[in-house]
N, C-alpha and C. Protein backbone atom coordinates (compact mmCIF):
# COMPACT_ATOMS: atom_id res chain seq x y z
N UNK A 1 0.84 -1.20 0.02
CA UNK A 1 0.01 -0.01 0.01
C UNK A 1 0.86 1.19 -0.03
N UNK A 2 2.00 1.24 0.75
CA UNK A 2 2.88 2.31 0.86
C UNK A 2 3.39 2.75 -0.57
N UNK A 3 3.66 1.75 -1.36
CA UNK A 3 4.19 2.05 -2.70
C UNK A 3 3.07 2.73 -3.59
N UNK A 4 1.81 2.32 -3.46
CA UNK A 4 0.76 2.99 -4.19
C UNK A 4 0.52 4.42 -3.70
N UNK A 5 0.72 4.63 -2.41
CA UNK A 5 0.55 6.03 -1.88
C UNK A 5 1.62 6.91 -2.32
N UNK A 6 2.82 6.35 -2.62
CA UNK A 6 3.98 7.12 -3.13
C UNK A 6 3.87 7.30 -4.66
N UNK A 7 3.00 6.54 -5.25
CA UNK A 7 2.79 6.59 -6.68
C UNK A 7 1.35 6.88 -7.00
N UNK A 8 0.85 8.11 -6.76
CA UNK A 8 -0.59 8.38 -6.99
C UNK A 8 -1.13 8.07 -8.30
N UNK A 9 -0.30 8.21 -9.37
CA UNK A 9 -0.77 7.88 -10.71
C UNK A 9 -1.08 6.41 -10.83
N UNK A 10 -0.23 5.60 -10.20
CA UNK A 10 -0.52 4.10 -10.30
C UNK A 10 -1.82 3.79 -9.44
N UNK A 11 -1.98 4.42 -8.37
CA UNK A 11 -3.13 4.27 -7.56
C UNK A 11 -4.43 4.61 -8.34
N UNK A 12 -4.39 5.75 -9.02
CA UNK A 12 -5.49 6.21 -9.87
C UNK A 12 -5.72 5.25 -11.01
N UNK A 13 -4.68 4.70 -11.62
CA UNK A 13 -4.76 3.76 -12.71
C UNK A 13 -5.41 2.52 -12.27
N UNK A 14 -5.06 2.05 -11.09
CA UNK A 14 -5.72 0.87 -10.49
C UNK A 14 -7.24 1.15 -10.13
N UNK A 15 -7.52 2.31 -9.73
CA UNK A 15 -8.89 2.70 -9.43
C UNK A 15 -9.68 2.74 -10.66
N UNK A 16 -9.13 3.20 -11.79
CA UNK A 16 -9.89 3.31 -13.11
C UNK A 16 -9.95 1.91 -13.78
N UNK A 17 -8.93 1.04 -13.45
CA UNK A 17 -8.85 -0.32 -14.09
C UNK A 17 -8.65 -1.42 -13.07
N UNK A 18 -9.76 -1.65 -12.36
CA UNK A 18 -9.62 -2.68 -11.27
C UNK A 18 -9.28 -4.04 -11.79
N UNK A 19 -9.41 -4.32 -13.09
CA UNK A 19 -9.08 -5.61 -13.64
C UNK A 19 -7.50 -5.77 -13.61
N UNK A 20 -6.83 -4.77 -13.28
CA UNK A 20 -5.35 -4.87 -13.25
C UNK A 20 -4.84 -5.33 -11.91
N UNK A 21 -5.74 -5.69 -10.96
CA UNK A 21 -5.29 -6.02 -9.61
C UNK A 21 -4.30 -7.21 -9.55
N UNK A 22 -4.49 -8.23 -10.42
CA UNK A 22 -3.57 -9.36 -10.29
C UNK A 22 -2.14 -8.90 -10.74
N UNK A 23 -2.01 -8.39 -11.96
CA UNK A 23 -0.59 -7.99 -12.27
C UNK A 23 -0.08 -6.84 -11.37
N UNK A 24 -0.99 -6.03 -10.89
CA UNK A 24 -0.53 -4.92 -9.95
C UNK A 24 0.11 -5.47 -8.76
N UNK A 25 -0.63 -6.47 -8.12
CA UNK A 25 -0.06 -7.09 -6.86
C UNK A 25 1.29 -7.76 -7.13
N UNK A 26 1.43 -8.41 -8.24
CA UNK A 26 2.72 -9.05 -8.60
C UNK A 26 3.80 -7.96 -8.76
N UNK A 27 3.46 -6.89 -9.43
CA UNK A 27 4.40 -5.78 -9.61
C UNK A 27 4.75 -5.13 -8.17
N UNK A 28 3.79 -5.00 -7.33
CA UNK A 28 4.09 -4.46 -5.97
C UNK A 28 5.00 -5.49 -5.20
N UNK A 29 4.87 -6.72 -5.39
CA UNK A 29 5.66 -7.68 -4.71
C UNK A 29 7.12 -7.65 -5.27
N UNK A 30 7.24 -7.42 -6.57
CA UNK A 30 8.57 -7.27 -7.19
C UNK A 30 9.20 -6.00 -6.76
N UNK A 31 8.46 -4.91 -6.80
CA UNK A 31 8.98 -3.57 -6.65
C UNK A 31 9.52 -3.26 -5.26
N UNK A 32 8.69 -3.80 -4.20
CA UNK A 32 9.05 -3.61 -2.81
C UNK A 32 9.05 -4.91 -2.11
N UNK A 33 10.12 -5.72 -2.34
CA UNK A 33 10.22 -7.03 -1.71
C UNK A 33 10.21 -6.86 -0.23
N UNK A 34 9.35 -7.62 0.43
CA UNK A 34 9.36 -7.60 1.92
C UNK A 34 10.51 -8.39 2.47
N UNK A 35 10.91 -9.42 1.80
CA UNK A 35 12.08 -10.22 2.19
C UNK A 35 13.25 -9.68 1.37
N UNK A 36 14.22 -9.09 1.99
CA UNK A 36 15.41 -8.51 1.26
C UNK A 36 16.52 -9.53 0.94
N UNK A 37 16.76 -10.37 1.90
CA UNK A 37 17.74 -11.42 1.61
C UNK A 37 17.46 -12.62 2.59
N UNK A 38 18.04 -13.79 2.27
CA UNK A 38 17.86 -14.99 3.06
C UNK A 38 19.23 -15.55 3.23
N UNK A 39 19.46 -16.05 4.39
CA UNK A 39 20.88 -16.47 4.77
C UNK A 39 21.01 -17.91 5.07
N UNK A 40 20.09 -18.73 4.79
CA UNK A 40 20.18 -20.14 5.22
C UNK A 40 20.48 -21.08 4.11
N UNK A 41 21.13 -20.61 3.05
CA UNK A 41 21.51 -21.47 1.92
C UNK A 41 23.02 -21.66 1.98
N UNK A 42 23.50 -22.79 1.38
CA UNK A 42 24.90 -22.97 1.28
C UNK A 42 25.17 -23.69 -0.11
N UNK A 43 26.36 -23.52 -0.55
CA UNK A 43 26.69 -24.16 -1.90
C UNK A 43 26.76 -25.66 -1.70
N UNK A 44 26.09 -26.35 -2.57
CA UNK A 44 26.13 -27.82 -2.58
C UNK A 44 27.36 -28.38 -3.25
N UNK A 45 27.96 -27.54 -4.08
CA UNK A 45 29.26 -27.96 -4.73
C UNK A 45 29.90 -26.59 -5.02
N UNK A 46 31.18 -26.81 -5.46
CA UNK A 46 31.92 -25.53 -5.90
C UNK A 46 31.18 -24.90 -7.05
N UNK A 47 31.11 -23.51 -6.95
CA UNK A 47 30.36 -22.81 -8.03
C UNK A 47 31.30 -21.68 -8.55
N UNK A 48 31.52 -21.64 -9.78
CA UNK A 48 32.31 -20.58 -10.38
C UNK A 48 31.44 -19.50 -10.94
N UNK A 49 31.55 -18.28 -10.47
CA UNK A 49 30.85 -17.13 -10.93
C UNK A 49 31.74 -15.89 -11.05
N UNK A 50 31.82 -15.38 -12.27
CA UNK A 50 32.59 -14.15 -12.53
C UNK A 50 33.98 -14.22 -11.95
N UNK A 51 34.67 -15.32 -12.34
CA UNK A 51 36.05 -15.53 -12.02
C UNK A 51 36.30 -15.74 -10.54
N UNK A 52 35.29 -16.11 -9.84
CA UNK A 52 35.35 -16.36 -8.38
C UNK A 52 34.78 -17.73 -8.12
N UNK A 53 35.42 -18.49 -7.21
CA UNK A 53 34.87 -19.87 -6.90
C UNK A 53 34.21 -19.74 -5.48
N UNK A 54 33.00 -20.13 -5.38
CA UNK A 54 32.31 -20.23 -4.16
C UNK A 54 32.47 -21.67 -3.73
N UNK A 55 33.20 -21.95 -2.63
CA UNK A 55 33.46 -23.41 -2.36
C UNK A 55 32.23 -24.10 -1.74
N UNK A 56 32.21 -25.41 -1.98
CA UNK A 56 31.15 -26.29 -1.46
C UNK A 56 31.04 -26.02 0.08
N UNK A 57 29.82 -25.80 0.50
CA UNK A 57 29.58 -25.58 1.93
C UNK A 57 29.60 -24.14 2.34
N UNK A 58 30.05 -23.27 1.47
CA UNK A 58 30.12 -21.87 1.92
C UNK A 58 28.70 -21.25 1.97
N UNK A 59 28.39 -20.44 2.98
CA UNK A 59 27.12 -19.83 3.02
C UNK A 59 26.86 -18.90 1.83
N UNK A 60 25.57 -18.87 1.47
CA UNK A 60 25.13 -18.05 0.29
C UNK A 60 24.00 -17.18 0.80
N UNK A 61 24.13 -15.92 0.62
CA UNK A 61 23.04 -14.90 0.94
C UNK A 61 22.37 -14.56 -0.35
N UNK A 62 21.09 -14.88 -0.35
CA UNK A 62 20.32 -14.57 -1.56
C UNK A 62 19.62 -13.14 -1.34
N UNK A 63 19.96 -12.21 -2.29
CA UNK A 63 19.43 -10.86 -2.19
C UNK A 63 18.22 -10.70 -3.10
N UNK A 64 17.06 -11.08 -2.51
CA UNK A 64 15.84 -11.01 -3.25
C UNK A 64 15.48 -9.59 -3.75
N UNK A 65 15.62 -8.58 -2.90
CA UNK A 65 15.34 -7.25 -3.26
C UNK A 65 16.22 -6.82 -4.42
N UNK A 66 17.44 -7.18 -4.46
CA UNK A 66 18.39 -6.84 -5.59
C UNK A 66 17.97 -7.67 -6.86
N UNK A 67 17.69 -8.89 -6.70
CA UNK A 67 17.29 -9.67 -7.85
C UNK A 67 16.04 -9.17 -8.53
N UNK A 68 15.09 -8.70 -7.68
CA UNK A 68 13.84 -8.18 -8.26
C UNK A 68 14.01 -6.83 -8.91
N UNK A 69 15.14 -6.20 -8.82
CA UNK A 69 15.48 -4.96 -9.50
C UNK A 69 16.64 -5.13 -10.48
N UNK A 70 16.88 -6.33 -10.90
CA UNK A 70 18.01 -6.67 -11.77
C UNK A 70 17.66 -6.14 -13.21
N UNK A 71 18.43 -5.22 -13.72
CA UNK A 71 18.20 -4.64 -15.05
C UNK A 71 18.38 -5.64 -16.21
N UNK A 72 19.13 -6.72 -15.88
CA UNK A 72 19.32 -7.79 -16.95
C UNK A 72 18.05 -8.67 -17.03
N UNK A 73 17.19 -8.59 -16.00
CA UNK A 73 15.99 -9.44 -15.94
C UNK A 73 14.70 -8.64 -16.15
N UNK A 74 14.69 -7.40 -15.74
CA UNK A 74 13.53 -6.50 -15.76
C UNK A 74 13.83 -5.29 -16.48
N UNK A 75 13.02 -4.94 -17.49
CA UNK A 75 13.12 -3.66 -18.18
C UNK A 75 12.71 -2.56 -17.25
N UNK A 76 13.43 -1.53 -17.17
CA UNK A 76 13.15 -0.38 -16.24
C UNK A 76 12.78 -0.86 -14.81
N UNK A 77 13.72 -1.57 -14.17
CA UNK A 77 13.44 -2.24 -12.90
C UNK A 77 13.04 -1.27 -11.81
N UNK A 78 13.41 -0.01 -11.83
CA UNK A 78 13.20 0.93 -10.80
C UNK A 78 11.86 1.74 -11.08
N UNK A 79 11.15 1.38 -12.11
CA UNK A 79 9.87 1.89 -12.49
C UNK A 79 8.72 0.99 -12.02
N UNK A 80 7.68 1.57 -11.44
CA UNK A 80 6.50 0.76 -11.05
C UNK A 80 5.58 0.61 -12.30
N UNK A 81 5.38 -0.55 -12.79
CA UNK A 81 4.69 -0.79 -13.99
C UNK A 81 3.56 -1.85 -13.69
N UNK A 82 2.32 -1.37 -13.44
CA UNK A 82 1.25 -2.25 -13.03
C UNK A 82 0.84 -3.26 -14.12
N UNK A 83 1.40 -3.08 -15.38
CA UNK A 83 1.09 -3.97 -16.41
C UNK A 83 2.41 -4.66 -16.99
N UNK A 84 3.31 -4.82 -16.14
CA UNK A 84 4.58 -5.44 -16.38
C UNK A 84 4.34 -6.84 -16.96
N UNK A 85 4.91 -7.14 -18.13
CA UNK A 85 4.85 -8.50 -18.67
C UNK A 85 6.03 -9.36 -18.16
N UNK A 86 5.75 -10.69 -18.22
CA UNK A 86 6.84 -11.62 -17.80
C UNK A 86 7.41 -11.18 -16.42
N UNK A 87 6.57 -11.01 -15.41
CA UNK A 87 6.99 -10.52 -14.06
C UNK A 87 7.27 -11.75 -13.18
N UNK A 88 8.29 -12.46 -13.44
CA UNK A 88 8.62 -13.64 -12.56
C UNK A 88 9.67 -13.21 -11.53
N UNK A 89 9.08 -12.48 -10.55
CA UNK A 89 9.86 -11.99 -9.46
C UNK A 89 10.15 -13.02 -8.42
N UNK A 90 11.01 -12.67 -7.41
CA UNK A 90 11.29 -13.64 -6.34
C UNK A 90 10.66 -13.27 -4.98
N UNK A 91 9.56 -12.61 -5.07
CA UNK A 91 8.90 -12.09 -3.91
C UNK A 91 8.51 -13.25 -2.92
N UNK A 92 8.31 -14.46 -3.43
CA UNK A 92 8.04 -15.61 -2.58
C UNK A 92 9.08 -16.74 -2.66
N UNK A 93 10.33 -16.32 -3.09
CA UNK A 93 11.35 -17.21 -3.25
C UNK A 93 11.19 -17.96 -4.62
N UNK A 94 11.81 -19.18 -4.66
CA UNK A 94 11.74 -19.94 -5.87
C UNK A 94 12.14 -21.43 -5.62
N UNK A 95 11.88 -22.23 -6.59
CA UNK A 95 12.29 -23.62 -6.50
C UNK A 95 11.64 -24.35 -5.37
N UNK A 96 12.33 -25.23 -4.68
CA UNK A 96 11.88 -26.00 -3.59
C UNK A 96 11.61 -25.14 -2.33
N UNK A 97 12.14 -23.99 -2.38
CA UNK A 97 11.93 -23.00 -1.23
C UNK A 97 10.76 -22.06 -1.48
N UNK A 98 10.01 -22.29 -2.57
CA UNK A 98 8.89 -21.42 -2.86
C UNK A 98 7.86 -21.52 -1.70
N UNK A 99 7.41 -20.35 -1.30
CA UNK A 99 6.48 -20.26 -0.18
C UNK A 99 5.22 -21.03 -0.45
N UNK A 100 4.80 -21.95 0.42
CA UNK A 100 3.61 -22.77 0.17
C UNK A 100 2.29 -21.94 0.52
N UNK A 101 2.43 -20.78 1.14
CA UNK A 101 1.24 -20.00 1.42
C UNK A 101 0.99 -18.96 0.34
N UNK A 102 1.60 -19.05 -0.81
CA UNK A 102 1.48 -18.08 -1.87
C UNK A 102 0.00 -17.86 -2.34
N UNK A 103 -0.74 -18.96 -2.59
CA UNK A 103 -2.09 -18.72 -3.10
C UNK A 103 -2.96 -17.87 -2.14
N UNK A 104 -2.83 -18.14 -0.85
CA UNK A 104 -3.61 -17.37 0.15
C UNK A 104 -3.11 -16.00 0.29
N UNK A 105 -1.79 -15.79 0.31
CA UNK A 105 -1.16 -14.48 0.41
C UNK A 105 -1.60 -13.57 -0.74
N UNK A 106 -1.52 -14.18 -1.97
CA UNK A 106 -1.88 -13.36 -3.19
C UNK A 106 -3.30 -12.97 -3.10
N UNK A 107 -4.23 -13.89 -2.71
CA UNK A 107 -5.66 -13.62 -2.65
C UNK A 107 -5.90 -12.54 -1.59
N UNK A 108 -5.27 -12.62 -0.44
CA UNK A 108 -5.46 -11.60 0.60
C UNK A 108 -4.99 -10.21 0.17
N UNK A 109 -3.86 -10.17 -0.44
CA UNK A 109 -3.32 -8.88 -0.95
C UNK A 109 -4.22 -8.30 -2.06
N UNK A 110 -4.59 -9.14 -2.98
CA UNK A 110 -5.51 -8.67 -4.05
C UNK A 110 -6.82 -8.11 -3.46
N UNK A 111 -7.40 -8.76 -2.55
CA UNK A 111 -8.72 -8.30 -1.96
C UNK A 111 -8.44 -7.02 -1.13
N UNK A 112 -7.37 -7.03 -0.31
CA UNK A 112 -7.19 -5.82 0.54
C UNK A 112 -6.85 -4.59 -0.31
N UNK A 113 -5.89 -4.71 -1.27
CA UNK A 113 -5.54 -3.59 -2.06
C UNK A 113 -6.71 -3.15 -2.97
N UNK A 114 -7.40 -4.14 -3.52
CA UNK A 114 -8.52 -3.80 -4.39
C UNK A 114 -9.58 -3.03 -3.61
N UNK A 115 -9.88 -3.45 -2.43
CA UNK A 115 -10.88 -2.71 -1.67
C UNK A 115 -10.41 -1.38 -1.11
N UNK A 116 -9.15 -1.30 -0.82
CA UNK A 116 -8.58 0.02 -0.40
C UNK A 116 -8.72 1.02 -1.55
N UNK A 117 -8.23 0.61 -2.72
CA UNK A 117 -8.24 1.45 -3.94
C UNK A 117 -9.64 1.86 -4.29
N UNK A 118 -10.62 0.94 -4.21
CA UNK A 118 -11.98 1.24 -4.62
C UNK A 118 -12.67 2.11 -3.56
N UNK A 119 -12.44 1.94 -2.25
CA UNK A 119 -13.27 2.56 -1.25
C UNK A 119 -12.67 3.80 -0.58
N UNK A 120 -11.34 3.91 -0.48
CA UNK A 120 -10.79 5.01 0.24
C UNK A 120 -10.62 6.26 -0.63
N UNK A 121 -11.07 7.33 -0.14
CA UNK A 121 -11.06 8.58 -0.98
C UNK A 121 -9.85 9.47 -0.59
N UNK A 122 -9.08 9.70 -1.66
CA UNK A 122 -7.96 10.61 -1.53
C UNK A 122 -7.02 10.24 -0.35
N UNK A 123 -6.42 9.01 -0.40
CA UNK A 123 -5.44 8.64 0.67
C UNK A 123 -4.13 9.36 0.46
N UNK A 124 -3.53 9.80 1.59
CA UNK A 124 -2.23 10.52 1.56
C UNK A 124 -1.46 10.05 2.78
N UNK A 125 -0.12 9.96 2.48
CA UNK A 125 0.77 9.58 3.53
C UNK A 125 0.89 10.74 4.54
N UNK A 126 0.82 10.41 5.80
CA UNK A 126 1.02 11.49 6.86
C UNK A 126 2.51 11.66 7.04
N UNK A 127 3.26 10.63 6.97
CA UNK A 127 4.72 10.65 7.27
C UNK A 127 5.42 9.84 6.28
N UNK A 128 6.33 10.41 5.51
CA UNK A 128 7.11 9.67 4.50
C UNK A 128 8.63 10.08 4.59
N UNK A 129 9.48 9.18 4.90
CA UNK A 129 9.15 7.72 5.10
C UNK A 129 8.54 7.45 6.47
N UNK A 130 7.76 6.43 6.60
CA UNK A 130 7.25 6.00 7.92
C UNK A 130 8.41 5.27 8.71
N UNK A 131 8.23 5.01 9.98
CA UNK A 131 9.32 4.32 10.71
C UNK A 131 9.32 2.89 10.24
N UNK A 132 10.58 2.49 9.91
CA UNK A 132 10.74 1.09 9.44
C UNK A 132 11.17 0.19 10.60
N UNK A 133 10.86 -1.11 10.37
CA UNK A 133 11.31 -2.14 11.32
C UNK A 133 12.79 -2.23 11.33
N UNK A 134 13.32 -2.53 12.45
CA UNK A 134 14.76 -2.76 12.53
C UNK A 134 14.98 -4.22 12.35
N UNK A 135 15.05 -4.67 11.08
CA UNK A 135 15.23 -6.13 10.83
C UNK A 135 15.97 -6.24 9.51
N UNK A 136 17.02 -7.03 9.54
CA UNK A 136 17.86 -7.18 8.37
C UNK A 136 17.25 -8.01 7.27
N UNK A 137 16.33 -8.90 7.58
CA UNK A 137 15.79 -9.84 6.61
C UNK A 137 14.48 -9.36 6.13
N UNK A 138 13.56 -8.97 6.97
CA UNK A 138 12.21 -8.51 6.53
C UNK A 138 12.18 -7.00 6.48
N UNK A 139 11.75 -6.45 5.31
CA UNK A 139 11.74 -5.04 5.16
C UNK A 139 10.33 -4.54 5.20
N UNK A 140 10.07 -3.51 5.94
CA UNK A 140 8.78 -2.90 5.83
C UNK A 140 8.53 -1.91 7.07
N UNK A 141 7.57 -1.02 6.93
CA UNK A 141 7.33 -0.04 8.00
C UNK A 141 6.66 -0.75 9.21
N UNK A 142 6.94 -0.12 10.35
CA UNK A 142 6.30 -0.52 11.54
C UNK A 142 4.78 -0.22 11.55
N UNK A 143 4.50 0.91 10.95
CA UNK A 143 3.15 1.41 10.72
C UNK A 143 3.13 2.48 9.66
N UNK A 144 1.97 2.64 9.02
CA UNK A 144 1.86 3.65 7.93
C UNK A 144 0.60 4.48 8.31
N UNK A 145 0.88 5.80 8.58
CA UNK A 145 -0.30 6.65 8.88
C UNK A 145 -0.72 7.26 7.60
N UNK A 146 -2.11 7.19 7.42
CA UNK A 146 -2.70 7.57 6.16
C UNK A 146 -3.91 8.57 6.49
N UNK A 147 -3.84 9.72 5.85
CA UNK A 147 -4.98 10.58 6.02
C UNK A 147 -5.89 10.40 4.81
N UNK A 148 -7.21 10.43 5.00
CA UNK A 148 -8.15 10.23 3.99
C UNK A 148 -9.27 11.20 4.04
N UNK A 149 -10.00 11.34 2.94
CA UNK A 149 -11.13 12.27 2.89
C UNK A 149 -12.48 11.53 3.19
N UNK A 150 -12.48 10.21 3.13
CA UNK A 150 -13.63 9.51 3.42
C UNK A 150 -13.65 8.04 2.90
N UNK A 151 -14.71 7.37 3.08
CA UNK A 151 -14.82 5.89 2.60
C UNK A 151 -16.07 5.83 1.82
N UNK A 152 -15.85 5.18 0.57
CA UNK A 152 -17.00 4.97 -0.30
C UNK A 152 -17.69 3.69 0.12
N UNK A 153 -18.96 3.53 -0.25
CA UNK A 153 -19.67 2.20 0.03
C UNK A 153 -19.26 1.20 -0.95
């Protein structure tokens, strides 16, 4: 939601085109990854990358936030594009570590964001940036204060 409040043009686009909720949620997950990195992986064998060998057993830190903004993977990665094509982000990890709660999480976010966009009149951030959690793995604000003009039925 914070991202949409910072991008009022995207918020208005979603309000005018509610059918974009599915790709919009995927783009929000890519654009502002809640998990920035994960530290519980290790190399199963020696891996050669860019003239460097990562030895078998070495810890590997996966930088999801960085991967989701990789310009070799995403066109204009620092732009919020609610209609982004081929948006295979790492917001829920990948492979055997893919989050098993994804279908429920996606549905909850689609419903919550969709209703917020549809019903809340003129939402505005009270404080930007809001206070963020002090957590190296999970990124996000402790709370987001929003001023509004009203609620639609």
